[in-house]
Amino acid sequence: WKVVNFAVVLLPKAYIWWVLVNTGFHFLMETAGIMDLVINCMALKFVLGIDEVVFSRLCSHATKYMLEALEDIPLFDTHMEDSETQEEAVERFRRDEFHRYWHKVLMFIVPRRLLYICFLMAVFIVIYYTNNCECSEDGCISKPIYMPEGVTYNPVAFIHTGLLELSSKPIWSMP
C-alpha cells in the first residue's frame, strides 16, 4: 500500500505542486498584481488539500474513527522540570543543555521552515532567471519574446512551455 500511495498520491501531488509553484512564481515575477497572488494562493491551497480529500472520500469510517482516536504518547517525564525554580532551570540549561549543544540550540532558534522557504525561493529565482533572462557581465536582460504559431489550446504545452511552436521573428527584444 505504501508503493500505491507513493505512486498515486505523493508523486502526482509533488508534480502538481512543482508546476503550480513554478507557474505561480513566473506569474508573480511577470505581473505583481493582487489578483494573480490571490489566484495562485487559492490554487496552491487546493493542491495541498488533495490528500485530505482523498482520505476523506476513500477511507472507511472505521479508519477515520481510529485515526481520530489516536492519542500522543508521552516521550519523557517532566516532573522534575515542573518543580524547578526559574534560577534552577536557567542553571540546569546552561550546565546540561547549552554548554555542549550550543549549535543545536542555535538550530532550534532559527526556524527550519524559514531556511527551507529561503532555499526554495532561491531555487525558483535561479530557474526563472535561467529560463527568461540572458546573463552577461553587465547583468541580466530579458530574452526576446516570440509569438506562438497557433492559438489552439494545449494543456501540456501550457505546463511545459518548451513544447510551444513559436514564430521565428521576435515581437519584442531588448534594444
C-alpha atoms as a PDB file:
ATOM      1  CA  TRP A   1       0.000   0.000   0.000  1.00  0.00           C
ATOM      2  CA  LYS A   2       2.965   2.324   0.533  1.00  0.00           C
ATOM      3  CA  VAL A   3       4.040   1.963  -3.083  1.00  0.00           C
ATOM      4  CA  VAL A   4       0.493   2.659  -4.257  1.00  0.00           C
ATOM      5  CA  ASN A   5       0.265   5.767  -2.032  1.00  0.00           C
ATOM      6  CA  PHE A   6       3.653   6.906  -3.299  1.00  0.00           C
ATOM      7  CA  ALA A   7       2.683   6.412  -6.955  1.00  0.00           C
ATOM      8  CA  VAL A   8      -0.930   7.575  -6.776  1.00  0.00           C
ATOM      9  CA  VAL A   9      -0.825  10.339  -4.142  1.00  0.00           C
ATOM     10  CA  LEU A  10       2.693  11.612  -3.461  1.00  0.00           C
ATOM     11  CA  LEU A  11       4.188  11.738  -6.973  1.00  0.00           C
ATOM     12  CA  PRO A  12       1.210  13.469  -8.637  1.00  0.00           C
ATOM     13  CA  LYS A  13       0.878  15.877  -5.714  1.00  0.00           C
ATOM     14  CA  ALA A  14       4.591  16.711  -5.820  1.00  0.00           C
ATOM     15  CA  TYR A  15       4.461  17.192  -9.596  1.00  0.00           C
ATOM     16  CA  ILE A  16       1.366  19.392  -9.415  1.00  0.00           C
ATOM     17  CA  TRP A  17       2.964  21.360  -6.561  1.00  0.00           C
ATOM     18  CA  TRP A  18       6.162  21.890  -8.571  1.00  0.00           C
ATOM     19  CA  VAL A  19       4.276  23.030 -11.689  1.00  0.00           C
ATOM     20  CA  LEU A  20       1.945  25.248  -9.672  1.00  0.00           C
ATOM     21  CA  VAL A  21       4.735  26.915  -7.695  1.00  0.00           C
ATOM     22  CA  ASN A  22       6.861  27.343 -10.811  1.00  0.00           C
ATOM     23  CA  THR A  23       3.946  28.860 -12.733  1.00  0.00           C
ATOM     24  CA  GLY A  24       2.893  30.984  -9.770  1.00  0.00           C
ATOM     25  CA  PHE A  25       6.423  32.248  -9.299  1.00  0.00           C
ATOM     26  CA  HIS A  26       6.556  33.088 -13.005  1.00  0.00           C
ATOM     27  CA  PHE A  27       3.244  34.972 -12.786  1.00  0.00           C
ATOM     28  CA  LEU A  28       4.395  36.883  -9.716  1.00  0.00           C
ATOM     29  CA  MET A  29       7.697  37.836 -11.319  1.00  0.00           C
ATOM     30  CA  GLU A  30       5.979  38.946 -14.539  1.00  0.00           C
ATOM     31  CA  THR A  31       2.953  40.755 -13.119  1.00  0.00           C
ATOM     32  CA  ALA A  32       2.807  41.604  -9.455  1.00  0.00           C
ATOM     33  CA  GLY A  33      -0.949  42.216  -9.408  1.00  0.00           C
ATOM     34  CA  ILE A  34      -3.001  41.268  -6.382  1.00  0.00           C
ATOM     35  CA  MET A  35      -5.356  39.082  -8.455  1.00  0.00           C
ATOM     36  CA  ASP A  36      -2.511  36.834  -9.567  1.00  0.00           C
ATOM     37  CA  LEU A  37      -1.376  36.484  -5.976  1.00  0.00           C
ATOM     38  CA  VAL A  38      -4.869  35.561  -4.758  1.00  0.00           C
ATOM     39  CA  ILE A  39      -5.444  33.061  -7.580  1.00  0.00           C
ATOM     40  CA  ASN A  40      -2.086  31.386  -7.012  1.00  0.00           C
ATOM     41  CA  CYS A  41      -2.698  31.127  -3.268  1.00  0.00           C
ATOM     42  CA  MET A  42      -6.128  29.584  -3.839  1.00  0.00           C
ATOM     43  CA  ALA A  43      -4.745  27.098  -6.346  1.00  0.00           C
ATOM     44  CA  LEU A  44      -1.899  26.121  -4.022  1.00  0.00           C
ATOM     45  CA  LYS A  45      -4.372  25.640  -1.155  1.00  0.00           C
ATOM     46  CA  PHE A  46      -6.407  23.333  -3.401  1.00  0.00           C
ATOM     47  CA  VAL A  47      -3.384  21.283  -4.428  1.00  0.00           C
ATOM     48  CA  LEU A  48      -2.104  20.937  -0.881  1.00  0.00           C
ATOM     49  CA  GLY A  49      -5.542  19.729   0.238  1.00  0.00           C
ATOM     50  CA  ILE A  50      -5.813  16.922  -2.333  1.00  0.00           C
ATOM     51  CA  ASP A  51      -4.515  14.252   0.064  1.00  0.00           C
ATOM     52  CA  GLU A  52      -7.110  15.219   2.678  1.00  0.00           C
ATOM     53  CA  VAL A  53      -9.879  14.974   0.082  1.00  0.00           C
ATOM     54  CA  VAL A  54      -8.635  11.535  -0.989  1.00  0.00           C
ATOM     55  CA  PHE A  55      -8.513  10.451   2.661  1.00  0.00           C
ATOM     56  CA  SER A  56     -11.994  11.771   3.449  1.00  0.00           C
ATOM     57  CA  ARG A  57     -13.588  10.155   0.391  1.00  0.00           C
ATOM     58  CA  LEU A  58     -11.740   6.840   0.078  1.00  0.00           C
ATOM     59  CA  CYS A  59     -11.127   5.735   3.690  1.00  0.00           C
ATOM     60  CA  SER A  60     -13.682   3.740   5.617  1.00  0.00           C
ATOM     61  CA  HIS A  61     -15.464   5.096   8.685  1.00  0.00           C
ATOM     62  CA  ALA A  62     -13.517   2.658  10.875  1.00  0.00           C
ATOM     63  CA  THR A  63     -10.183   4.021   9.625  1.00  0.00           C
ATOM     64  CA  LYS A  64     -11.287   7.613  10.204  1.00  0.00           C
ATOM     65  CA  TYR A  65     -12.530   6.759  13.710  1.00  0.00           C
ATOM     66  CA  MET A  66      -9.269   5.006  14.653  1.00  0.00           C
ATOM     67  CA  LEU A  67      -7.136   7.890  13.373  1.00  0.00           C
ATOM     68  CA  GLU A  68      -9.247  10.458  15.233  1.00  0.00           C
ATOM     69  CA  ALA A  69      -8.965   8.428  18.467  1.00  0.00           C
ATOM     70  CA  LEU A  70      -5.144   8.323  18.436  1.00  0.00           C
ATOM     71  CA  GLU A  71      -3.502   9.919  21.461  1.00  0.00           C
ATOM     72  CA  ASP A  72       0.018  11.223  21.928  1.00  0.00           C
ATOM     73  CA  ILE A  73       2.469   9.041  23.838  1.00  0.00           C
ATOM     74  CA  PRO A  74       4.482  10.996  26.408  1.00  0.00           C
ATOM     75  CA  LEU A  75       8.118  10.638  25.393  1.00  0.00           C
ATOM     76  CA  PHE A  76       9.663  11.775  28.686  1.00  0.00           C
ATOM     77  CA  ASP A  77       8.791  12.698  32.267  1.00  0.00           C
ATOM     78  CA  THR A  78       8.723  16.418  33.107  1.00  0.00           C
ATOM     79  CA  HIS A  79       8.049  16.097  36.847  1.00  0.00           C
ATOM     80  CA  MET A  80      11.491  17.441  37.911  1.00  0.00           C
ATOM     81  CA  GLU A  81      11.372  20.371  35.481  1.00  0.00           C
ATOM     82  CA  ASP A  82       7.907  21.361  36.668  1.00  0.00           C
ATOM     83  CA  SER A  83       9.079  21.746  40.283  1.00  0.00           C
ATOM     84  CA  GLU A  84      12.208  23.830  39.492  1.00  0.00           C
ATOM     85  CA  THR A  85      12.548  27.499  40.248  1.00  0.00           C
ATOM     86  CA  GLN A  86      13.462  29.937  37.488  1.00  0.00           C
ATOM     87  CA  GLU A  87      17.100  30.189  38.626  1.00  0.00           C
ATOM     88  CA  GLU A  88      17.498  26.398  38.873  1.00  0.00           C
ATOM     89  CA  ALA A  89      16.084  25.983  35.377  1.00  0.00           C
ATOM     90  CA  VAL A  90      18.488  28.557  33.927  1.00  0.00           C
ATOM     91  CA  GLU A  91      21.464  26.944  35.698  1.00  0.00           C
ATOM     92  CA  ARG A  92      20.464  23.440  34.526  1.00  0.00           C
ATOM     93  CA  PHE A  93      20.024  24.745  30.979  1.00  0.00           C
ATOM     94  CA  ARG A  94      23.481  26.368  30.965  1.00  0.00           C
ATOM     95  CA  ARG A  95      25.155  23.340  32.550  1.00  0.00           C
ATOM     96  CA  ASP A  96      23.460  20.446  30.755  1.00  0.00           C
ATOM     97  CA  GLU A  97      21.990  21.680  27.508  1.00  0.00           C
ATOM     98  CA  PHE A  98      23.579  24.852  26.219  1.00  0.00           C
ATOM     99  CA  HIS A  99      27.213  24.154  27.113  1.00  0.00           C
ATOM    100  CA  ARG A 100      27.727  21.074  24.943  1.00  0.00           C
ATOM    101  CA  TYR A 101      24.967  21.532  22.408  1.00  0.00           C
ATOM    102  CA  TRP A 102      25.005  25.240  21.586  1.00  0.00           C
ATOM    103  CA  HIS A 103      24.790  24.515  17.838  1.00  0.00           C
ATOM    104  CA  LYS A 104      21.593  22.513  18.412  1.00  0.00           C
ATOM    105  CA  VAL A 105      20.158  25.410  20.407  1.00  0.00           C
ATOM    106  CA  LEU A 106      21.038  27.720  17.529  1.00  0.00           C
ATOM    107  CA  MET A 107      19.275  25.391  15.077  1.00  0.00           C
ATOM    108  CA  PHE A 108      16.275  25.404  17.413  1.00  0.00           C
ATOM    109  CA  ILE A 109      16.193  29.208  17.471  1.00  0.00           C
ATOM    110  CA  VAL A 110      16.484  29.585  13.676  1.00  0.00           C
ATOM    111  CA  PRO A 111      13.306  28.116  12.182  1.00  0.00           C
ATOM    112  CA  ARG A 112      13.997  25.330   9.699  1.00  0.00           C
ATOM    113  CA  ARG A 113      10.925  26.148   7.662  1.00  0.00           C
ATOM    114  CA  LEU A 114      12.265  29.639   7.082  1.00  0.00           C
ATOM    115  CA  LEU A 115      15.538  28.167   5.828  1.00  0.00           C
ATOM    116  CA  TYR A 116      13.637  25.750   3.555  1.00  0.00           C
ATOM    117  CA  ILE A 117      11.484  28.571   2.204  1.00  0.00           C
ATOM    118  CA  CYS A 118      14.529  30.758   1.535  1.00  0.00           C
ATOM    119  CA  PHE A 119      16.233  27.843  -0.213  1.00  0.00           C
ATOM    120  CA  LEU A 120      13.183  27.092  -2.389  1.00  0.00           C
ATOM    121  CA  MET A 121      12.776  30.776  -3.211  1.00  0.00           C
ATOM    122  CA  ALA A 122      16.415  30.913  -4.318  1.00  0.00           C
ATOM    123  CA  VAL A 123      15.906  27.797  -6.462  1.00  0.00           C
ATOM    124  CA  PHE A 124      12.856  29.285  -8.185  1.00  0.00           C
ATOM    125  CA  ILE A 125      14.604  32.629  -8.707  1.00  0.00           C
ATOM    126  CA  VAL A 126      17.519  30.838 -10.378  1.00  0.00           C
ATOM    127  CA  ILE A 127      15.101  28.818 -12.538  1.00  0.00           C
ATOM    128  CA  TYR A 128      13.226  31.985 -13.513  1.00  0.00           C
ATOM    129  CA  TYR A 129      16.363  33.903 -14.471  1.00  0.00           C
ATOM    130  CA  THR A 130      17.914  30.990 -16.385  1.00  0.00           C
ATOM    131  CA  ASN A 131      14.691  30.437 -18.356  1.00  0.00           C
ATOM    132  CA  ASN A 132      13.771  34.077 -19.021  1.00  0.00           C
ATOM    133  CA  CYS A 133      16.979  36.103 -18.987  1.00  0.00           C
ATOM    134  CA  GLU A 134      20.293  36.258 -20.785  1.00  0.00           C
ATOM    135  CA  CYS A 135      23.091  36.987 -18.350  1.00  0.00           C
ATOM    136  CA  SER A 136      26.268  38.843 -19.265  1.00  0.00           C
ATOM    137  CA  GLU A 137      28.995  40.587 -17.302  1.00  0.00           C
ATOM    138  CA  ASP A 138      26.844  43.756 -17.141  1.00  0.00           C
ATOM    139  CA  GLY A 139      23.837  41.952 -15.669  1.00  0.00           C
ATOM    140  CA  CYS A 140      20.773  40.054 -16.812  1.00  0.00           C
ATOM    141  CA  ILE A 141      18.390  41.218 -19.537  1.00  0.00           C
ATOM    142  CA  SER A 142      15.157  39.685 -20.753  1.00  0.00           C
ATOM    143  CA  LYS A 143      15.269  37.179 -23.584  1.00  0.00           C
ATOM    144  CA  PRO A 144      13.414  38.093 -26.786  1.00  0.00           C
ATOM    145  CA  ILE A 145       9.698  37.277 -26.731  1.00  0.00           C
ATOM    146  CA  TYR A 146       8.221  35.255 -29.601  1.00  0.00           C
ATOM    147  CA  MET A 147       4.579  34.920 -30.619  1.00  0.00           C
ATOM    148  CA  PRO A 148       3.101  31.385 -30.654  1.00  0.00           C
ATOM    149  CA  GLU A 149       2.393  29.932 -34.110  1.00  0.00           C
ATOM    150  CA  GLY A 150      -1.146  28.894 -33.244  1.00  0.00           C
ATOM    151  CA  VAL A 151      -3.821  29.588 -30.677  1.00  0.00           C
ATOM    152  CA  THR A 152      -5.071  26.037 -30.126  1.00  0.00           C
ATOM    153  CA  TYR A 153      -5.458  25.000 -26.507  1.00  0.00           C
ATOM    154  CA  ASN A 154      -2.821  22.521 -25.420  1.00  0.00           C
ATOM    155  CA  PRO A 155      -2.690  21.964 -21.636  1.00  0.00           C
ATOM    156  CA  VAL A 156       0.623  20.085 -21.836  1.00  0.00           C
ATOM    157  CA  ALA A 157       2.253  22.970 -23.715  1.00  0.00           C
ATOM    158  CA  PHE A 158       0.850  25.353 -21.095  1.00  0.00           C
ATOM    159  CA  ILE A 159       2.731  23.478 -18.380  1.00  0.00           C
ATOM    160  CA  HIS A 160       5.861  22.744 -20.423  1.00  0.00           C
ATOM    161  CA  THR A 161       6.484  25.864 -22.488  1.00  0.00           C
ATOM    162  CA  GLY A 162       9.250  24.129 -24.442  1.00  0.00           C
ATOM    163  CA  LEU A 163       6.561  22.288 -26.423  1.00  0.00           C
ATOM    164  CA  LEU A 164       5.102  25.504 -27.889  1.00  0.00           C
ATOM    165  CA  GLU A 165       5.705  26.250 -31.550  1.00  0.00           C
ATOM    166  CA  LEU A 166       6.961  29.824 -31.734  1.00  0.00           C
ATOM    167  CA  SER A 167       7.443  32.167 -34.676  1.00  0.00           C
ATOM    168  CA  SER A 168      10.974  32.843 -35.864  1.00  0.00           C
ATOM    169  CA  LYS A 169      10.671  36.632 -35.559  1.00  0.00           C
ATOM    170  CA  PRO A 170      10.566  38.111 -32.025  1.00  0.00           C
ATOM    171  CA  ILE A 171       7.737  40.516 -31.177  1.00  0.00           C
ATOM    172  CA  TRP A 172       9.887  42.143 -28.501  1.00  0.00           C
ATOM    173  CA  SER A 173      13.602  42.215 -27.858  1.00  0.00           C
ATOM    174  CA  MET A 174      15.856  44.301 -25.688  1.00  0.00           C
ATOM    175  CA  PRO A 175      17.058  47.351 -27.645  1.00  0.00           C
END
